[in-house]
Amino acid sequence: MTMGKGGIGKTSVAAAIAVELAQRGHEVLLSTTDPAAHIEYAVGKGLPNLQVGRIDPVVETRQHIEQVLAAAKDKLDEEGLALLEEELRSPCTEEVAVFTAFARTVAEANDKFVVLDTAPTGHTLLLLDATESYHREVQRNTSNLPEAVRQLLPRLRDPNYTRILLVTLPEATPVHEAAQLQRDLERANLPFAWVINQSFAVTPTV
């Protein structure tokens, strides 16, 4: 899973990882939550064991809101439904919807490597203290936590299952931003590593 600000090469790194895994004979699903990512062009063609997908935050959010309102329709009066609709306009709703979609993607691709290229906000996995916030939000709006999410949350914290790559550039501002994200990942007990894109430090270039 690649994270970081826009324009630093997350999509290229994710595509390179997915292609390499596929070339080694593994079944791979490469997906993105970034509306601006041209991930299909990044991987090219000719690898039958590489599947490319996309999680659309707008579509997932709309479907999530419809499901929550449908589930609450028989439990709340008109005023209660109006209040719920107001709450669902929160940015947290998109977080929850995209997280659920990612959990579903991982569950459906259980026997594959899943490489996720996240949007520049890194919102996809609610990584900053997000797992607990997600639990509270879902449990407040629905009676049961989706099984796919229940399975995914501990896997995100398992270094034998998940690798999170912080992609950055060898420049002061991107490095400081990645360092802040690293602290957030540590707080959420999520494994990580760094990719310094466009760095020539280990090359013989003078």
Protein backbone atom coordinates (compact mmCIF):
# COMPACT_ATOMS: atom_id res chain seq x y z
CA MET A 1 0.00 0.00 0.00
CA THR A 2 1.48 3.37 -1.01
CA MET A 3 0.76 6.60 0.84
CA GLY A 4 1.88 10.20 0.59
CA LYS A 5 1.14 13.57 -0.96
CA GLY A 6 0.13 14.08 -4.58
CA GLY A 7 2.73 14.21 -7.32
CA ILE A 8 5.44 12.21 -5.55
CA GLY A 9 5.10 8.98 -7.51
CA LYS A 10 2.77 6.81 -5.42
CA THR A 11 1.02 5.44 -8.47
CA SER A 12 4.29 4.65 -10.24
CA VAL A 13 5.67 2.89 -7.15
CA ALA A 14 2.47 0.90 -6.65
CA ALA A 15 2.42 -0.08 -10.33
CA ALA A 16 6.08 -1.13 -10.26
CA ILE A 17 5.50 -3.33 -7.21
CA ALA A 18 2.42 -4.93 -8.75
CA VAL A 19 4.16 -5.61 -12.07
CA GLU A 20 7.20 -7.13 -10.34
CA LEU A 21 5.01 -9.44 -8.24
CA ALA A 22 3.06 -10.46 -11.34
CA GLN A 23 6.24 -11.12 -13.31
CA ARG A 24 7.35 -13.43 -10.50
CA GLY A 25 4.23 -15.49 -11.09
CA HIS A 26 1.98 -14.21 -8.32
CA GLU A 27 -1.69 -13.31 -8.75
CA VAL A 28 -1.96 -9.57 -8.10
CA LEU A 29 -4.79 -7.06 -7.75
CA LEU A 30 -3.68 -3.44 -8.18
CA SER A 31 -6.27 -0.88 -7.10
CA THR A 32 -6.42 2.85 -6.45
CA THR A 33 -8.60 5.31 -4.56
CA ASP A 34 -7.03 8.29 -6.29
CA PRO A 35 -9.43 9.81 -8.87
CA ALA A 36 -6.47 11.41 -10.66
CA ALA A 37 -4.41 8.23 -10.96
CA HIS A 38 -3.93 6.77 -14.44
CA ILE A 39 -3.01 3.41 -13.06
CA GLU A 40 -3.95 1.44 -16.17
CA TYR A 41 -1.32 3.33 -18.17
CA ALA A 42 1.29 2.80 -15.46
CA VAL A 43 1.16 -1.00 -15.66
CA GLY A 44 0.75 -1.45 -19.40
CA LYS A 45 -0.52 -4.76 -20.80
CA GLY A 46 0.60 -8.35 -21.20
CA LEU A 47 0.43 -9.69 -17.64
CA PRO A 48 -2.56 -12.05 -17.39
CA ASN A 49 -2.13 -12.54 -13.63
CA LEU A 50 -2.32 -8.79 -12.94
CA GLN A 51 -5.81 -7.37 -12.37
CA VAL A 52 -6.34 -3.60 -12.21
CA GLY A 53 -9.24 -2.05 -10.33
CA ARG A 54 -10.43 1.25 -8.91
CA ILE A 55 -12.34 2.30 -5.79
CA ASP A 56 -14.40 5.41 -6.60
CA PRO A 57 -14.91 7.45 -3.39
CA VAL A 58 -17.95 9.25 -4.82
CA VAL A 59 -19.75 6.05 -5.83
CA GLU A 60 -18.84 4.24 -2.60
CA THR A 61 -19.98 7.17 -0.45
CA ARG A 62 -23.32 7.40 -2.22
CA GLN A 63 -23.95 3.68 -1.86
CA HIS A 64 -22.91 3.74 1.79
CA ILE A 65 -25.32 6.58 2.60
CA GLU A 66 -28.15 4.78 0.84
CA GLN A 67 -27.47 1.60 2.81
CA VAL A 68 -27.27 3.40 6.16
CA LEU A 69 -30.51 5.30 5.54
CA ALA A 70 -32.29 2.16 4.36
CA ALA A 71 -31.20 0.30 7.51
CA ALA A 72 -32.38 3.17 9.73
CA LYS A 73 -35.67 3.85 7.95
CA ASP A 74 -37.79 1.61 10.16
CA LYS A 75 -36.00 2.60 13.38
CA LEU A 76 -36.09 6.40 13.21
CA ASP A 77 -38.87 8.94 12.83
CA GLU A 78 -38.74 11.72 10.24
CA GLU A 79 -36.75 14.02 12.50
CA GLY A 80 -34.29 11.28 13.37
CA LEU A 81 -33.73 10.45 9.71
CA ALA A 82 -33.13 14.13 8.95
CA LEU A 83 -30.50 14.29 11.69
CA LEU A 84 -28.86 11.12 10.38
CA GLU A 85 -28.75 12.53 6.86
CA GLU A 86 -27.07 15.64 8.25
CA GLU A 87 -24.47 13.55 10.07
CA LEU A 88 -23.79 11.54 6.91
CA ARG A 89 -22.65 14.72 5.17
CA SER A 90 -19.54 14.58 7.35
CA PRO A 91 -16.19 13.86 5.65
CA CYS A 92 -15.99 10.83 7.93
CA THR A 93 -18.70 9.20 5.84
CA GLU A 94 -16.41 9.06 2.82
CA GLU A 95 -13.67 7.63 5.02
CA VAL A 96 -15.98 4.86 6.20
CA ALA A 97 -17.30 4.14 2.71
CA VAL A 98 -13.86 3.87 1.12
CA PHE A 99 -12.55 1.80 4.00
CA THR A 100 -15.44 -0.61 3.58
CA ALA A 101 -14.81 -0.85 -0.16
CA PHE A 102 -11.14 -1.59 0.43
CA ALA A 103 -12.00 -4.24 3.01
CA ARG A 104 -14.36 -5.83 0.51
CA THR A 105 -11.66 -5.75 -2.19
CA VAL A 106 -9.16 -7.48 0.08
CA ALA A 107 -11.71 -10.11 1.10
CA GLU A 108 -12.62 -10.87 -2.52
CA ALA A 109 -8.94 -11.13 -3.49
CA ASN A 110 -8.08 -13.40 -0.59
CA ASP A 111 -5.63 -15.54 -2.57
CA LYS A 112 -3.85 -12.62 -4.28
CA PHE A 113 -1.42 -9.88 -3.47
CA VAL A 114 -3.39 -6.63 -3.15
CA VAL A 115 -1.46 -3.45 -3.96
CA LEU A 116 -3.34 -0.26 -3.12
CA ASP A 117 -2.43 3.18 -4.43
CA THR A 118 -4.08 5.65 -2.04
CA ALA A 119 -5.37 9.11 -2.77
CA PRO A 120 -3.11 12.05 -1.81
CA THR A 121 -5.02 12.56 1.43
CA GLY A 122 -4.22 9.03 2.51
CA HIS A 123 -7.81 8.87 3.74
CA THR A 124 -8.49 5.41 2.42
CA LEU A 125 -7.62 3.45 5.51
CA LEU A 126 -8.40 6.05 8.17
CA LEU A 127 -4.82 5.57 9.18
CA LEU A 128 -4.46 8.23 11.79
CA ASP A 129 -6.21 6.74 14.83
CA ALA A 130 -8.66 5.64 12.21
CA THR A 131 -9.43 2.09 13.03
CA GLU A 132 -11.08 2.93 16.32
CA SER A 133 -12.95 5.87 14.78
CA TYR A 134 -14.19 3.55 12.09
CA HIS A 135 -15.46 1.05 14.63
CA ARG A 136 -17.43 3.74 16.43
CA GLU A 137 -18.88 5.22 13.23
CA VAL A 138 -20.03 1.91 11.79
CA GLN A 139 -21.43 0.64 15.05
CA ARG A 140 -23.34 3.88 15.51
CA ASN A 141 -24.95 3.71 12.09
CA THR A 142 -25.48 -0.02 11.67
CA SER A 143 -26.10 -2.94 13.96
CA ASN A 144 -23.24 -5.14 12.77
CA LEU A 145 -19.67 -4.51 11.74
CA PRO A 146 -19.13 -5.93 8.21
CA GLU A 147 -17.20 -9.19 8.35
CA ALA A 148 -14.74 -8.00 5.70
CA VAL A 149 -13.86 -5.01 7.88
CA ARG A 150 -13.66 -7.16 11.00
CA GLN A 151 -11.07 -9.33 9.25
CA LEU A 152 -9.14 -6.45 7.73
CA LEU A 153 -8.52 -4.33 10.83
CA PRO A 154 -6.13 -6.76 12.57
CA ARG A 155 -4.46 -7.60 9.26
CA LEU A 156 -3.51 -3.96 8.78
CA ARG A 157 -1.52 -4.13 12.00
CA ASP A 158 0.11 -7.46 11.10
CA PRO A 159 3.58 -6.91 9.57
CA ASN A 160 3.40 -10.43 8.13
CA TYR A 161 0.31 -9.46 6.15
CA THR A 162 0.57 -5.73 5.39
CA ARG A 163 3.30 -3.43 4.13
CA ILE A 164 2.66 0.31 4.00
CA LEU A 165 5.11 2.32 1.92
CA LEU A 166 5.47 6.03 2.56
CA VAL A 167 6.46 7.52 -0.77
CA THR A 168 8.27 10.84 -0.71
CA LEU A 169 10.82 12.93 -2.58
CA PRO A 170 14.35 13.85 -1.45
CA GLU A 171 13.26 17.36 -0.55
CA ALA A 172 12.67 19.01 2.83
CA THR A 173 8.91 19.57 2.71
CA PRO A 174 7.91 16.11 1.37
CA VAL A 175 10.24 14.44 3.88
CA HIS A 176 8.77 16.39 6.80
CA GLU A 177 5.26 15.52 5.64
CA ALA A 178 6.18 11.84 5.38
CA ALA A 179 7.72 11.98 8.85
CA GLN A 180 4.43 13.28 10.25
CA LEU A 181 2.56 10.49 8.51
CA GLN A 182 5.05 8.01 9.94
CA ARG A 183 4.23 9.23 13.45
CA ASP A 184 0.54 8.74 12.73
CA LEU A 185 1.21 5.22 11.49
CA GLU A 186 3.18 4.44 14.62
CA ARG A 187 0.33 5.71 16.76
CA ALA A 188 -2.07 3.40 14.94
CA ASN A 189 0.37 0.46 15.23
CA LEU A 190 0.61 0.08 11.45
CA PRO A 191 3.76 -1.28 9.78
CA PHE A 192 5.58 0.93 7.30
CA ALA A 193 8.69 1.57 5.21
CA TRP A 194 9.87 4.51 3.13
CA VAL A 195 10.45 4.90 -0.60
CA ILE A 196 12.51 7.98 -1.48
CA ASN A 197 11.49 8.53 -5.07
CA GLN A 198 13.83 10.21 -7.57
CA SER A 199 16.82 9.84 -5.24
CA PHE A 200 20.29 9.27 -6.70
CA ALA A 201 22.00 8.79 -3.34
CA VAL A 202 22.83 5.12 -3.95
CA THR A 203 23.90 5.53 -7.57
CA PRO A 204 27.47 6.16 -8.78
CA THR A 205 26.29 9.49 -10.20
CA VAL A 206 28.63 12.35 -9.21
